Amino acid sequence: MRTKTALAKHGPRPAAGAPISGMKTLTVNGAERSLEAATVAGMVEEMGLPEPLVLVEHNGLALRKPEWESTPIRDGDRIEILRISAGG
């Protein structure tokens, strides 16, 4: 448990698994990128990607769209984004 002095100086610790606010450096499709998003859904929005046409892999795990909102983004995460396109 943190002491009163530590709490006053640093504030409470985020809950385990809680998204961390502020700028994060991620690896997106092999390139470093800085983003402020707290969740995968926020990242897709911040990057201006068309949700219906995007597949996201977060740290090696393919995510379903309903999981985007509850999947936190943390500094150092590895993201792979695939855009779906139709054609022949």
N, C-alpha and C. Protein backbone atom coordinates (compact mmCIF):
# COMPACT_ATOMS: atom_id res chain seq x y z
N MET A 1 0.84 -1.18 0.00
CA MET A 1 0.00 0.00 0.00
C MET A 1 0.88 1.24 0.00
N ARG A 2 0.49 2.24 -0.74
CA ARG A 2 1.28 3.47 -0.80
C ARG A 2 1.06 4.31 0.45
N THR A 3 2.11 5.00 0.84
CA THR A 3 2.01 5.89 1.99
C THR A 3 1.29 7.16 1.60
N LYS A 4 0.85 7.91 2.60
CA LYS A 4 0.16 9.18 2.32
C LYS A 4 1.07 10.13 1.55
N THR A 5 2.37 10.11 1.86
CA THR A 5 3.31 10.98 1.15
C THR A 5 3.39 10.61 -0.32
N ALA A 6 3.47 9.31 -0.63
CA ALA A 6 3.54 8.85 -2.01
C ALA A 6 2.26 9.18 -2.75
N LEU A 7 1.11 9.01 -2.09
CA LEU A 7 -0.17 9.33 -2.71
C LEU A 7 -0.26 10.82 -3.02
N ALA A 8 0.19 11.65 -2.09
CA ALA A 8 0.14 13.09 -2.30
C ALA A 8 1.06 13.50 -3.45
N LYS A 9 2.21 12.85 -3.56
CA LYS A 9 3.20 13.22 -4.57
C LYS A 9 2.83 12.67 -5.95
N HIS A 10 2.40 11.42 -6.02
CA HIS A 10 2.19 10.74 -7.31
C HIS A 10 0.72 10.45 -7.63
N GLY A 11 -0.15 10.53 -6.66
CA GLY A 11 -1.55 10.17 -6.87
C GLY A 11 -1.72 8.67 -6.79
N PRO A 12 -2.96 8.19 -6.86
CA PRO A 12 -3.20 6.75 -6.76
C PRO A 12 -2.70 6.02 -8.00
N ARG A 13 -2.33 4.77 -7.83
CA ARG A 13 -1.92 3.94 -8.96
C ARG A 13 -3.14 3.59 -9.78
N PRO A 14 -2.96 3.50 -11.12
CA PRO A 14 -4.09 3.03 -11.93
C PRO A 14 -4.39 1.58 -11.60
N ALA A 15 -5.64 1.17 -11.70
CA ALA A 15 -6.02 -0.22 -11.45
C ALA A 15 -5.31 -1.10 -12.47
N ALA A 16 -5.04 -2.34 -12.07
CA ALA A 16 -4.40 -3.28 -12.99
C ALA A 16 -5.23 -3.40 -14.25
N GLY A 17 -4.59 -3.27 -15.39
CA GLY A 17 -5.27 -3.37 -16.66
C GLY A 17 -5.96 -2.09 -17.11
N ALA A 18 -5.89 -1.04 -16.27
CA ALA A 18 -6.53 0.22 -16.63
C ALA A 18 -5.71 0.93 -17.70
N PRO A 19 -6.38 1.58 -18.66
CA PRO A 19 -5.64 2.33 -19.67
C PRO A 19 -4.89 3.49 -19.04
N ILE A 20 -3.73 3.77 -19.55
CA ILE A 20 -2.91 4.86 -19.03
C ILE A 20 -3.07 6.04 -19.96
N SER A 21 -3.45 7.19 -19.38
CA SER A 21 -3.66 8.37 -20.21
C SER A 21 -2.33 9.02 -20.56
N GLY A 22 -2.35 9.86 -21.58
CA GLY A 22 -1.15 10.55 -22.02
C GLY A 22 -0.55 9.92 -23.26
N MET A 23 0.50 10.53 -23.76
CA MET A 23 1.15 10.08 -24.99
C MET A 23 1.85 8.73 -24.77
N LYS A 24 1.65 7.83 -25.73
CA LYS A 24 2.28 6.52 -25.69
C LYS A 24 3.01 6.29 -27.01
N THR A 25 4.11 5.57 -26.96
CA THR A 25 4.83 5.20 -28.18
C THR A 25 4.52 3.74 -28.46
N LEU A 26 3.92 3.50 -29.63
CA LEU A 26 3.53 2.16 -30.05
C LEU A 26 4.29 1.80 -31.32
N THR A 27 4.34 0.52 -31.63
CA THR A 27 4.82 0.08 -32.92
C THR A 27 3.60 -0.30 -33.73
N VAL A 28 3.32 0.46 -34.78
CA VAL A 28 2.15 0.24 -35.63
C VAL A 28 2.64 -0.18 -37.00
N ASN A 29 2.31 -1.40 -37.38
CA ASN A 29 2.75 -1.97 -38.66
C ASN A 29 4.26 -1.81 -38.85
N GLY A 30 5.00 -2.05 -37.78
CA GLY A 30 6.46 -2.03 -37.83
C GLY A 30 7.12 -0.68 -37.65
N ALA A 31 6.35 0.40 -37.54
CA ALA A 31 6.92 1.74 -37.38
C ALA A 31 6.48 2.34 -36.05
N GLU A 32 7.40 3.04 -35.38
CA GLU A 32 7.05 3.71 -34.13
C GLU A 32 6.10 4.85 -34.41
N ARG A 33 5.11 4.99 -33.51
CA ARG A 33 4.12 6.05 -33.65
C ARG A 33 3.68 6.48 -32.26
N SER A 34 3.52 7.78 -32.05
CA SER A 34 3.06 8.30 -30.77
C SER A 34 1.57 8.64 -30.87
N LEU A 35 0.80 8.13 -29.90
CA LEU A 35 -0.63 8.35 -29.86
C LEU A 35 -1.08 8.62 -28.43
N GLU A 36 -2.21 9.30 -28.28
CA GLU A 36 -2.77 9.57 -26.96
C GLU A 36 -3.93 8.65 -26.60
N ALA A 37 -4.41 7.86 -27.52
CA ALA A 37 -5.58 7.00 -27.28
C ALA A 37 -5.36 6.09 -26.08
N ALA A 38 -6.45 5.85 -25.34
CA ALA A 38 -6.40 4.97 -24.18
C ALA A 38 -6.82 3.54 -24.53
N THR A 39 -7.57 3.38 -25.63
CA THR A 39 -8.04 2.06 -26.02
C THR A 39 -7.80 1.85 -27.52
N VAL A 40 -7.96 0.61 -27.97
CA VAL A 40 -7.81 0.32 -29.39
C VAL A 40 -8.85 1.11 -30.19
N ALA A 41 -10.09 1.20 -29.68
CA ALA A 41 -11.12 1.97 -30.38
C ALA A 41 -10.69 3.43 -30.52
N GLY A 42 -10.13 4.00 -29.47
CA GLY A 42 -9.65 5.37 -29.52
C GLY A 42 -8.50 5.53 -30.51
N MET A 43 -7.63 4.53 -30.58
CA MET A 43 -6.51 4.56 -31.51
C MET A 43 -7.01 4.58 -32.96
N VAL A 44 -7.99 3.71 -33.26
CA VAL A 44 -8.55 3.66 -34.62
C VAL A 44 -9.15 5.02 -34.97
N GLU A 45 -9.87 5.63 -34.03
CA GLU A 45 -10.46 6.95 -34.26
C GLU A 45 -9.38 8.02 -34.42
N GLU A 46 -8.38 8.01 -33.52
CA GLU A 46 -7.30 9.01 -33.58
C GLU A 46 -6.53 8.93 -34.89
N MET A 47 -6.38 7.73 -35.42
CA MET A 47 -5.65 7.55 -36.67
C MET A 47 -6.53 7.83 -37.90
N GLY A 48 -7.82 8.07 -37.67
CA GLY A 48 -8.73 8.39 -38.78
C GLY A 48 -9.01 7.21 -39.69
N LEU A 49 -8.99 6.00 -39.12
CA LEU A 49 -9.22 4.80 -39.93
C LEU A 49 -10.71 4.50 -40.03
N PRO A 50 -11.16 3.98 -41.17
CA PRO A 50 -12.57 3.64 -41.34
C PRO A 50 -12.89 2.32 -40.62
N GLU A 51 -13.58 2.39 -39.48
CA GLU A 51 -13.84 1.21 -38.65
C GLU A 51 -14.36 -0.01 -39.41
N PRO A 52 -15.32 0.15 -40.31
CA PRO A 52 -15.86 -1.05 -40.96
C PRO A 52 -14.84 -1.79 -41.83
N LEU A 53 -13.75 -1.12 -42.18
CA LEU A 53 -12.78 -1.72 -43.12
C LEU A 53 -11.43 -2.05 -42.48
N VAL A 54 -11.40 -2.18 -41.14
CA VAL A 54 -10.12 -2.36 -40.45
C VAL A 54 -10.15 -3.61 -39.57
N LEU A 55 -9.04 -4.35 -39.60
CA LEU A 55 -8.80 -5.46 -38.68
C LEU A 55 -7.60 -5.06 -37.83
N VAL A 56 -7.65 -5.34 -36.51
CA VAL A 56 -6.58 -4.93 -35.61
C VAL A 56 -6.04 -6.13 -34.85
N GLU A 57 -4.70 -6.21 -34.82
CA GLU A 57 -4.00 -7.20 -34.00
C GLU A 57 -3.25 -6.41 -32.93
N HIS A 58 -3.46 -6.76 -31.67
CA HIS A 58 -2.85 -6.06 -30.53
C HIS A 58 -1.93 -7.02 -29.79
N ASN A 59 -0.64 -6.75 -29.81
CA ASN A 59 0.36 -7.60 -29.17
C ASN A 59 0.20 -9.07 -29.56
N GLY A 60 -0.03 -9.32 -30.86
CA GLY A 60 -0.10 -10.68 -31.39
C GLY A 60 -1.47 -11.32 -31.30
N LEU A 61 -2.46 -10.62 -30.77
CA LEU A 61 -3.80 -11.17 -30.62
C LEU A 61 -4.78 -10.41 -31.51
N ALA A 62 -5.42 -11.13 -32.43
CA ALA A 62 -6.43 -10.51 -33.30
C ALA A 62 -7.65 -10.17 -32.45
N LEU A 63 -8.15 -8.95 -32.61
CA LEU A 63 -9.28 -8.48 -31.82
C LEU A 63 -10.55 -8.41 -32.65
N ARG A 64 -11.66 -8.75 -32.03
CA ARG A 64 -12.98 -8.51 -32.63
C ARG A 64 -13.35 -7.07 -32.32
N LYS A 65 -14.13 -6.44 -33.19
CA LYS A 65 -14.50 -5.03 -32.96
C LYS A 65 -15.13 -4.79 -31.60
N PRO A 66 -15.99 -5.69 -31.08
CA PRO A 66 -16.54 -5.44 -29.74
C PRO A 66 -15.48 -5.38 -28.63
N GLU A 67 -14.27 -5.90 -28.88
CA GLU A 67 -13.20 -5.88 -27.89
C GLU A 67 -12.38 -4.59 -27.92
N TRP A 68 -12.51 -3.81 -28.99
CA TRP A 68 -11.68 -2.61 -29.15
C TRP A 68 -11.85 -1.65 -27.98
N GLU A 69 -13.09 -1.39 -27.56
CA GLU A 69 -13.35 -0.39 -26.52
C GLU A 69 -12.78 -0.80 -25.16
N SER A 70 -12.69 -2.10 -24.91
CA SER A 70 -12.22 -2.57 -23.60
C SER A 70 -10.74 -2.99 -23.61
N THR A 71 -10.06 -2.82 -24.74
CA THR A 71 -8.64 -3.21 -24.82
C THR A 71 -7.77 -1.97 -24.66
N PRO A 72 -7.06 -1.87 -23.51
CA PRO A 72 -6.24 -0.69 -23.28
C PRO A 72 -4.98 -0.66 -24.14
N ILE A 73 -4.54 0.55 -24.44
CA ILE A 73 -3.29 0.78 -25.16
C ILE A 73 -2.26 1.23 -24.14
N ARG A 74 -1.09 0.61 -24.18
CA ARG A 74 -0.01 0.97 -23.25
C ARG A 74 1.27 1.25 -24.03
N ASP A 75 2.12 2.04 -23.45
CA ASP A 75 3.41 2.35 -24.06
C ASP A 75 4.13 1.06 -24.41
N GLY A 76 4.64 0.98 -25.63
CA GLY A 76 5.39 -0.19 -26.07
C GLY A 76 4.57 -1.28 -26.75
N ASP A 77 3.23 -1.12 -26.80
CA ASP A 77 2.40 -2.12 -27.47
C ASP A 77 2.76 -2.24 -28.94
N ARG A 78 2.50 -3.43 -29.49
CA ARG A 78 2.71 -3.69 -30.91
C ARG A 78 1.34 -3.88 -31.56
N ILE A 79 1.08 -3.08 -32.57
CA ILE A 79 -0.21 -3.08 -33.26
C ILE A 79 0.01 -3.38 -34.74
N GLU A 80 -0.81 -4.26 -35.28
CA GLU A 80 -0.83 -4.51 -36.72
C GLU A 80 -2.23 -4.15 -37.19
N ILE A 81 -2.32 -3.35 -38.24
CA ILE A 81 -3.61 -2.91 -38.79
C ILE A 81 -3.69 -3.36 -40.24
N LEU A 82 -4.79 -4.01 -40.57
CA LEU A 82 -5.04 -4.43 -41.94
C LEU A 82 -6.30 -3.73 -42.42
N ARG A 83 -6.23 -3.18 -43.61
CA ARG A 83 -7.42 -2.55 -44.23
C ARG A 83 -8.00 -3.52 -45.23
N ILE A 84 -9.28 -3.76 -45.11
CA ILE A 84 -10.00 -4.66 -46.03
C ILE A 84 -10.36 -3.87 -47.27
N SER A 85 -10.10 -4.49 -48.42
CA SER A 85 -10.51 -3.84 -49.67
C SER A 85 -11.13 -4.90 -50.58
N ALA A 86 -12.12 -4.49 -51.30
CA ALA A 86 -12.79 -5.39 -52.23
C ALA A 86 -12.25 -5.14 -53.63
N GLY A 87 -12.34 -6.10 -54.43
CA GLY A 87 -11.88 -5.92 -55.80
C GLY A 87 -11.66 -7.27 -56.46
N GLY A 88 -11.23 -7.21 -57.66
CA GLY A 88 -11.05 -8.46 -58.36
C GLY A 88 -9.80 -8.47 -59.18
